[in-house]
Amino acid sequence: MRAVIQRVAEASVSVDGNMVGTIGPGMVILLGVEKDDSEKDVAYVAEKITGLRIFEDSSGKMNLSIKDTEGEILVVSQFTLYGDCRKGRRPSYVRAAGGDFAKRFYELFIAELSERGIPVETGVFGAAMDVHIVNCGPVTLLVDSSRDF
């Protein structure tokens, strides 16, 4: 499982011109599911992300987690995070999970975040989405359950 995390002032996602998810201060998580992922990957990524101290404390230091700030999370599925661009010009997606498997793990991830008491909004799995992100900082991080980076 791979995630791009952005600290945001606000964010929203629309499908066919209709807003389906919106948050205030918090995080946007672009989430990719790998074909070999397990529930352990879901738990690892959720734990890592909810514990990241990327929000500023009263001294202006990044010392607070999403739980500390009572922020919100917007999760957007993005299989292209597993695009391999090393050969040629067309990315290969052979590591990306297929539809039903990916959707199941996407939903497990959302449930895991919710169980941790964090308000979660989502996009629509598999849809073409327009994502509006006001990146705060900017702060952008990568988390990968296989620890590739």
Foldseek 3Di string as FASTA:
>chain_A
DKKKKWFFQKKWKDFPPHTQDIFGTDIEIADFDFQPDDVVLLLVVLVVQQPQQQDQDPVGDSGHGCVRVLGAYEYEYDLCVQFDCPDDHGTDSNGTHDDVVGVVSSVSSQVSNVVVVHHYTYDDPPGDMDMDGHGPPGDIDMDGSVPPD
